[in-house]
Amino acid sequence: MRVRHVMTTAALAGLFAACAGSEGGESGKPVYATVCEARCACEGCSGDQGGLCEAEQGALAQQAEERCQAEHTAYIDCVRLEGRCVDGHHAAEGCEVAAAALLGCLEPSEQDPCPSEGDGTCDEPGGTGRCPDGTDPVDCQSFCPYTGNGVCDEPGHTGLCPAGTDTEDCEPPSCDHVGDGACDEPEGTGLCPEGTDMEDCAVPTCDSTDNGECDEPEGTKRCAEGTDVNDCAVAPCASKNNGECDEPEGTGLCEEGTDVNDCKDAGTCDGLHSCGSGTTGCVACANQGSCADELAACVSNDECIYFRQCAVTCADSACIDRCIAAHPDGASLYHPYDRCLNCDECYYSCSAGGVFAC
């Protein structure tokens, strides 16, 4: 038998020797704060006896502190509250179960080498070291002894620890664009991982959202990417960047904000037969005035729009002929508008002219 086991057994025996109540029946017995207080009240302790009792209890409490606090508390409360003083001797027959539990925790047998197995803490040598290697597998298979070393040790990195056990070192990368007013997570600019730019992505940062006009960089550029999603979700303009403004102030074939490059200077290239003062541009003036009916007839007909989208990409007459063959009805509707705009009203020097010859 080990010395420590002998000392533990002796300490427990000392507790059984303590008195937890006064002589007499169960009713009206006093409750003491400590076992030694109850013992001395029962048996009458000399100074040395009281000191020895306190020393024994202190040693037992210290031994139980790491992993046996619950068993220690249960046993002490049993002896202190349930023990009886019979003819000047302690009687605590009802505390055998609590005593056995405390002893088993403090001095585990060979059949129970790790009394704290499965308590959520790895107690093998790589953890707390309280138990032999291989006796606390459930807790130790999810344990990482390298946590907090500044290196991610989960799979995919050093691989020294199981997944999810080194969260402190394996946190997702930070975002270098936090607080710049633009959402840089995947739903915004995409410069940062999800969840790393929460301040900018929590609320829209565009003061002109949902006004029917795309204000992100591909539109008016008034707002950051990803901050005017609803307005910028419109279909793209098939004829953008063709030298002609196709937004409502131009040909009207595309949604506002989808042909920005062509429309940013709309009205600055007045033709030989400019309409009005020229401050709004010949095309815009014609669309709102003398060619408005022809434009309305075209934009309300899908075939006319399809023909226009096909024709503006052509570089020669053969291509235009193929567009006419593919969309004859659309070509018939577009011809009057093309003639009105490019032949009658705005045959201006800075344009290549219309689809059809004047």
Protein backbone atom coordinates (compact mmCIF):
# COMPACT_ATOMS: atom_id res chain seq x y z
CA MET A 1 0.00 0.00 0.00
CA ARG A 2 1.34 3.38 -0.96
CA VAL A 3 2.15 6.00 1.66
CA ARG A 4 -0.28 8.43 0.07
CA HIS A 5 -3.06 5.86 0.27
CA VAL A 6 -2.30 5.25 3.94
CA MET A 7 -2.41 8.97 4.62
CA THR A 8 -5.71 9.37 2.77
CA THR A 9 -7.27 6.44 4.61
CA ALA A 10 -6.06 7.82 7.93
CA ALA A 11 -7.53 11.22 7.13
CA LEU A 12 -10.88 9.66 6.28
CA ALA A 13 -10.74 7.61 9.46
CA GLY A 14 -10.10 10.83 11.34
CA LEU A 15 -13.25 12.28 9.88
CA PHE A 16 -15.23 9.26 11.05
CA ALA A 17 -13.78 9.94 14.50
CA ALA A 18 -15.29 13.44 14.42
CA CYS A 19 -18.60 14.21 16.02
CA ALA A 20 -21.24 16.01 13.99
CA GLY A 21 -23.88 16.45 16.67
CA SER A 22 -24.60 16.46 20.37
CA GLU A 23 -25.73 13.50 22.49
CA GLY A 24 -29.34 12.62 22.26
CA GLY A 25 -31.88 12.17 19.49
CA GLU A 26 -32.00 13.62 15.98
CA SER A 27 -34.24 16.55 16.83
CA GLY A 28 -32.69 19.83 17.78
CA LYS A 29 -29.08 18.86 17.19
CA PRO A 30 -26.78 21.81 16.39
CA VAL A 31 -25.25 22.32 12.96
CA TYR A 32 -21.53 23.13 12.97
CA ALA A 33 -19.52 24.99 10.37
CA THR A 34 -16.70 22.43 10.23
CA VAL A 35 -16.15 18.81 11.17
CA CYS A 36 -13.50 19.76 13.72
CA GLU A 37 -15.85 22.21 15.36
CA ALA A 38 -18.49 19.49 15.67
CA ARG A 39 -15.93 16.95 16.96
CA CYS A 40 -14.54 19.23 19.60
CA ALA A 41 -18.02 20.22 20.70
CA CYS A 42 -18.79 16.53 21.15
CA GLU A 43 -15.61 15.14 22.63
CA GLY A 44 -13.88 18.19 24.03
CA CYS A 45 -10.59 18.76 22.20
CA SER A 46 -7.34 19.92 23.65
CA GLY A 47 -5.40 22.48 21.65
CA ASP A 48 -3.21 19.81 20.12
CA GLN A 49 -6.17 17.63 19.21
CA GLY A 50 -7.98 20.54 17.56
CA GLY A 51 -4.86 21.49 15.61
CA LEU A 52 -4.32 17.90 14.47
CA CYS A 53 -7.93 17.69 13.28
CA GLU A 54 -7.59 20.91 11.32
CA ALA A 55 -4.32 19.72 9.79
CA GLU A 56 -5.86 16.42 8.70
CA GLN A 57 -8.83 18.15 7.10
CA GLY A 58 -6.61 20.73 5.41
CA ALA A 59 -4.42 18.01 3.90
CA LEU A 60 -7.47 16.12 2.65
CA ALA A 61 -9.03 19.26 1.17
CA GLN A 62 -5.77 20.12 -0.60
CA GLN A 63 -5.51 16.61 -2.02
CA ALA A 64 -9.11 16.78 -3.26
CA GLU A 65 -8.83 20.29 -4.67
CA GLU A 66 -7.79 19.40 -8.22
CA ARG A 67 -10.42 16.87 -9.24
CA CYS A 68 -12.38 15.59 -6.22
CA GLN A 69 -14.03 18.72 -4.86
CA ALA A 70 -17.57 17.45 -5.34
CA GLU A 71 -16.83 14.13 -3.59
CA HIS A 72 -14.97 15.90 -0.79
CA THR A 73 -17.82 18.37 -0.20
CA ALA A 74 -20.42 15.58 -0.19
CA TYR A 75 -18.46 13.54 2.33
CA ILE A 76 -17.69 16.47 4.67
CA ASP A 77 -21.35 17.58 4.63
CA CYS A 78 -22.47 14.04 5.43
CA VAL A 79 -20.12 13.70 8.41
CA ARG A 80 -20.80 17.23 9.63
CA LEU A 81 -24.58 17.13 9.32
CA GLU A 82 -25.54 13.46 9.64
CA GLY A 83 -22.99 12.16 12.17
CA ARG A 84 -24.09 11.44 15.75
CA CYS A 85 -22.30 11.60 19.06
CA VAL A 86 -23.07 8.44 21.05
CA ASP A 87 -21.56 8.07 24.51
CA GLY A 88 -18.74 10.44 23.58
CA HIS A 89 -17.90 8.57 20.39
CA HIS A 90 -18.57 9.44 16.77
CA ALA A 91 -21.14 7.47 14.77
CA ALA A 92 -21.40 8.23 11.03
CA GLU A 93 -22.58 4.92 9.62
CA GLY A 94 -24.65 6.65 6.94
CA CYS A 95 -21.58 8.18 5.25
CA GLU A 96 -19.85 5.02 4.00
CA VAL A 97 -20.97 5.60 0.39
CA ALA A 98 -19.68 9.18 0.38
CA ALA A 99 -16.41 8.03 1.96
CA ALA A 100 -15.92 5.33 -0.65
CA ALA A 101 -16.58 7.81 -3.47
CA LEU A 102 -14.02 10.26 -2.10
CA LEU A 103 -11.41 7.55 -1.56
CA GLY A 104 -12.00 6.14 -5.04
CA CYS A 105 -11.50 9.59 -6.56
CA LEU A 106 -8.36 10.38 -4.58
CA GLU A 107 -6.77 6.93 -4.93
CA PRO A 108 -8.13 5.28 -8.12
CA SER A 109 -7.65 1.56 -8.41
CA GLU A 110 -5.88 -0.19 -11.24
CA GLN A 111 -9.31 -0.99 -12.70
CA ASP A 112 -10.14 2.74 -12.75
CA PRO A 113 -6.84 4.43 -13.69
CA CYS A 114 -8.47 7.74 -14.68
CA PRO A 115 -11.37 8.78 -12.45
CA SER A 116 -11.82 12.00 -14.44
CA GLU A 117 -12.20 10.25 -17.78
CA GLY A 118 -14.74 11.96 -20.02
CA ASP A 119 -15.03 15.15 -17.96
CA GLY A 120 -14.19 17.41 -20.93
CA THR A 121 -10.51 17.89 -20.04
CA CYS A 122 -7.65 15.81 -21.38
CA ASP A 123 -5.97 14.30 -18.31
CA GLU A 124 -3.34 12.22 -20.10
CA PRO A 125 0.34 13.31 -20.14
CA GLY A 126 -0.28 15.63 -23.08
CA GLY A 127 -2.98 17.40 -21.06
CA THR A 128 -3.16 17.80 -17.29
CA GLY A 129 -1.01 14.70 -16.70
CA ARG A 130 -3.29 13.37 -13.95
CA CYS A 131 -3.89 10.06 -15.74
CA PRO A 132 -1.76 7.51 -17.63
CA ASP A 133 -1.46 7.66 -21.38
CA GLY A 134 -4.48 6.20 -23.18
CA THR A 135 -6.85 6.31 -20.19
CA ASP A 136 -8.79 9.45 -21.19
CA PRO A 137 -9.24 8.96 -24.95
CA VAL A 138 -12.56 10.78 -25.37
CA ASP A 139 -11.26 14.02 -23.89
CA CYS A 140 -7.81 13.77 -25.47
CA GLN A 141 -8.93 13.09 -29.02
CA SER A 142 -10.33 16.62 -29.10
CA PHE A 143 -7.43 18.22 -27.25
CA CYS A 144 -4.67 20.38 -28.74
CA PRO A 145 -1.59 21.01 -26.59
CA TYR A 146 -0.39 23.68 -29.03
CA THR A 147 -3.28 26.12 -28.67
CA GLY A 148 -2.14 29.72 -28.40
CA ASN A 149 1.25 29.26 -30.07
CA GLY A 150 0.30 31.55 -32.95
CA VAL A 151 0.27 28.71 -35.50
CA CYS A 152 -2.83 26.89 -36.72
CA ASP A 153 -2.27 23.23 -35.87
CA GLU A 154 -5.51 21.82 -37.30
CA PRO A 155 -5.69 19.72 -40.51
CA GLY A 156 -4.79 21.72 -43.58
CA HIS A 157 -2.09 23.54 -41.63
CA THR A 158 0.43 21.74 -39.38
CA GLY A 159 -2.02 18.87 -38.77
CA LEU A 160 -0.79 18.32 -35.22
CA CYS A 161 -4.28 18.66 -33.73
CA PRO A 162 -7.81 17.48 -34.61
CA ALA A 163 -10.16 19.85 -36.41
CA GLY A 164 -11.83 22.40 -34.15
CA THR A 165 -9.32 22.09 -31.29
CA ASP A 166 -7.06 25.05 -32.09
CA THR A 167 -9.64 27.71 -32.79
CA GLU A 168 -7.57 30.44 -31.16
CA ASP A 169 -4.80 30.06 -33.73
CA CYS A 170 -7.02 29.04 -36.66
CA GLU A 171 -9.35 32.02 -36.76
CA PRO A 172 -10.28 33.18 -40.29
CA PRO A 173 -8.02 35.83 -41.85
CA SER A 174 -8.76 39.44 -41.17
CA CYS A 175 -9.89 42.03 -43.70
CA ASP A 176 -7.54 44.87 -44.64
CA HIS A 177 -10.45 47.05 -45.78
CA VAL A 178 -12.55 47.19 -42.62
CA GLY A 179 -14.27 50.51 -42.02
CA ASP A 180 -13.69 51.96 -45.50
CA GLY A 181 -17.42 52.41 -46.16
CA ALA A 182 -17.63 49.58 -48.70
CA CYS A 183 -18.76 46.03 -48.02
CA ASP A 184 -15.73 43.93 -48.93
CA GLU A 185 -17.20 40.50 -48.19
CA PRO A 186 -18.26 38.18 -51.07
CA GLU A 187 -21.64 39.90 -51.48
CA GLY A 188 -19.84 43.23 -51.95
CA THR A 189 -16.44 43.76 -53.53
CA GLY A 190 -15.32 40.22 -52.66
CA LEU A 191 -11.93 41.42 -51.36
CA CYS A 192 -12.38 39.77 -47.95
CA PRO A 193 -13.77 36.47 -46.56
CA GLU A 194 -17.31 36.24 -45.24
CA GLY A 195 -17.74 37.72 -41.77
CA THR A 196 -14.54 39.81 -41.75
CA ASP A 197 -16.01 43.20 -42.74
CA MET A 198 -19.18 43.17 -40.66
CA GLU A 199 -19.16 46.89 -39.92
CA ASP A 200 -19.33 47.86 -43.59
CA CYS A 201 -21.61 44.97 -44.58
CA ALA A 202 -24.11 45.31 -41.74
CA VAL A 203 -26.10 48.15 -43.32
CA PRO A 204 -26.15 49.78 -46.76
CA THR A 205 -23.74 52.68 -47.07
CA CYS A 206 -25.36 54.20 -50.15
CA ASP A 207 -27.69 57.13 -49.48
CA SER A 208 -29.49 56.73 -52.81
CA THR A 209 -30.47 53.06 -52.76
CA ASP A 210 -33.69 51.86 -54.40
CA ASN A 211 -34.20 55.03 -56.41
CA GLY A 212 -34.40 53.23 -59.73
CA GLU A 213 -30.86 54.15 -60.70
CA CYS A 214 -27.74 52.03 -60.24
CA ASP A 215 -25.35 54.08 -58.14
CA GLU A 216 -22.52 51.54 -57.90
CA PRO A 217 -19.31 51.90 -59.98
CA GLU A 218 -20.92 50.37 -63.07
CA GLY A 219 -23.68 53.01 -62.83
CA THR A 220 -23.47 56.56 -61.57
CA LYS A 221 -20.46 55.75 -59.34
CA ARG A 222 -21.97 57.62 -56.41
CA CYS A 223 -21.80 54.56 -54.15
CA ALA A 224 -19.48 51.67 -53.37
CA GLU A 225 -19.82 48.25 -54.97
CA GLY A 226 -22.41 46.08 -53.27
CA THR A 227 -24.33 48.93 -51.61
CA ASP A 228 -27.11 49.51 -54.19
CA VAL A 229 -27.94 45.91 -55.02
CA ASN A 230 -31.60 46.28 -55.98
CA ASP A 231 -31.03 49.11 -58.43
CA CYS A 232 -28.00 47.44 -59.96
CA ALA A 233 -29.70 44.10 -60.48
CA VAL A 234 -31.30 45.22 -63.77
CA ALA A 235 -30.41 43.48 -67.00
CA PRO A 236 -27.19 44.76 -68.60
CA CYS A 237 -27.25 46.86 -71.71
CA ALA A 238 -26.40 44.75 -74.78
CA SER A 239 -25.38 47.82 -76.75
CA LYS A 240 -23.31 49.68 -74.19
CA ASN A 241 -20.04 51.30 -75.21
CA ASN A 242 -21.09 51.51 -78.85
CA GLY A 243 -20.71 55.28 -79.01
CA GLU A 244 -24.41 55.96 -78.58
CA CYS A 245 -26.30 56.57 -75.35
CA ASP A 246 -28.90 53.83 -74.98
CA GLU A 247 -30.31 54.85 -71.60
CA PRO A 248 -33.71 56.61 -71.41
CA GLU A 249 -32.20 59.99 -72.25
CA GLY A 250 -30.74 58.43 -75.40
CA THR A 251 -32.26 55.67 -77.50
CA GLY A 252 -34.13 54.31 -74.50
CA LEU A 253 -33.16 50.74 -75.33
CA CYS A 254 -31.46 50.17 -71.96
CA GLU A 255 -32.12 50.81 -68.30
CA GLU A 256 -30.76 53.90 -66.58
CA GLY A 257 -27.20 53.40 -65.37
CA THR A 258 -26.38 50.50 -67.73
CA ASP A 259 -24.70 52.47 -70.54
CA VAL A 260 -22.70 54.90 -68.43
CA ASN A 261 -19.74 55.47 -70.72
CA ASP A 262 -21.87 56.35 -73.74
CA CYS A 263 -24.27 58.49 -71.74
CA LYS A 264 -21.84 60.46 -69.59
CA ASP A 265 -21.27 62.94 -72.42
CA ALA A 266 -24.72 62.69 -73.98
CA GLY A 267 -25.67 65.96 -75.61
CA THR A 268 -22.15 67.33 -76.01
CA CYS A 269 -21.82 66.31 -79.68
CA ASP A 270 -24.38 68.39 -81.55
CA GLY A 271 -24.92 67.64 -85.22
CA LEU A 272 -25.44 69.60 -88.32
CA HIS A 273 -29.15 69.74 -87.66
CA SER A 274 -29.16 70.04 -83.87
CA CYS A 275 -32.57 70.28 -82.23
CA GLY A 276 -33.16 73.03 -79.68
CA SER A 277 -30.38 74.88 -77.89
CA GLY A 278 -28.12 71.86 -77.90
CA THR A 279 -27.69 71.79 -74.13
CA THR A 280 -29.55 68.50 -73.87
CA GLY A 281 -28.15 67.01 -77.08
CA CYS A 282 -29.74 66.28 -80.39
CA VAL A 283 -30.57 62.63 -79.67
CA ALA A 284 -32.27 63.37 -76.36
CA CYS A 285 -34.19 66.25 -77.94
CA ALA A 286 -35.33 64.13 -80.88
CA ASN A 287 -36.38 61.25 -78.64
CA GLN A 288 -38.48 63.59 -76.57
CA GLY A 289 -39.86 65.51 -79.55
CA SER A 290 -40.15 64.77 -83.24
CA CYS A 291 -39.04 61.10 -83.02
CA ALA A 292 -40.86 60.22 -79.80
CA ASP A 293 -43.67 58.28 -81.51
CA GLU A 294 -41.28 56.18 -83.61
CA LEU A 295 -39.14 55.48 -80.52
CA ALA A 296 -42.18 54.45 -78.46
CA ALA A 297 -43.32 52.07 -81.17
CA CYS A 298 -39.91 50.40 -81.23
CA VAL A 299 -39.21 50.08 -77.49
CA SER A 300 -42.65 48.55 -76.90
CA ASN A 301 -41.93 45.74 -79.36
CA ASP A 302 -39.51 42.92 -78.50
CA GLU A 303 -38.67 42.21 -82.13
CA CYS A 304 -37.65 45.83 -82.67
CA ILE A 305 -35.39 45.73 -79.61
CA TYR A 306 -33.84 42.44 -80.73
CA PHE A 307 -33.18 43.86 -84.18
CA ARG A 308 -31.57 46.97 -82.73
CA GLN A 309 -29.33 44.87 -80.45
CA CYS A 310 -28.29 42.77 -83.40
CA ALA A 311 -27.70 45.64 -85.81
CA VAL A 312 -25.58 47.83 -83.52
CA THR A 313 -22.94 45.12 -83.39
CA CYS A 314 -22.59 44.97 -87.16
CA ALA A 315 -19.58 46.32 -89.00
CA ASP A 316 -20.88 45.84 -92.57
CA SER A 317 -24.09 45.71 -94.57
CA ALA A 318 -24.00 41.91 -94.85
CA CYS A 319 -24.30 41.65 -91.07
CA ILE A 320 -27.21 44.10 -91.08
CA ASP A 321 -28.93 42.02 -93.77
CA ARG A 322 -28.68 38.98 -91.53
CA CYS A 323 -30.25 40.93 -88.66
CA ILE A 324 -33.09 42.01 -90.96
CA ALA A 325 -33.64 38.39 -92.03
CA ALA A 326 -33.69 37.26 -88.39
CA HIS A 327 -36.04 40.03 -87.20
CA PRO A 328 -37.99 41.37 -90.21
CA ASP A 329 -40.85 42.81 -88.18
CA GLY A 330 -38.42 44.48 -85.81
CA ALA A 331 -36.47 45.96 -88.71
CA SER A 332 -39.69 47.42 -90.16
CA LEU A 333 -40.47 49.14 -86.86
CA TYR A 334 -36.91 50.34 -86.32
CA HIS A 335 -36.52 51.81 -89.82
CA PRO A 336 -38.86 54.83 -89.26
CA TYR A 337 -37.15 55.65 -85.96
CA ASP A 338 -33.68 55.29 -87.48
CA ARG A 339 -34.60 57.56 -90.40
CA CYS A 340 -36.19 60.18 -88.11
CA LEU A 341 -33.23 60.27 -85.74
CA ASN A 342 -30.24 59.88 -88.02
CA CYS A 343 -31.51 61.35 -91.29
CA ASP A 344 -34.13 63.96 -90.44
CA GLU A 345 -33.07 65.31 -87.05
CA CYS A 346 -29.58 64.31 -85.99
CA TYR A 347 -27.38 63.56 -88.96
CA TYR A 348 -24.47 64.96 -87.00
CA SER A 349 -20.82 64.97 -87.92
CA CYS A 350 -19.55 63.07 -84.87
CA SER A 351 -21.69 59.97 -85.57
CA ALA A 352 -21.29 57.14 -87.99
CA GLY A 353 -24.94 57.50 -88.89
CA GLY A 354 -27.85 55.10 -88.53
CA VAL A 355 -28.38 51.47 -89.40
CA PHE A 356 -30.17 52.24 -92.64
CA ALA A 357 -28.85 54.60 -95.28
CA CYS A 358 -30.51 58.00 -95.49
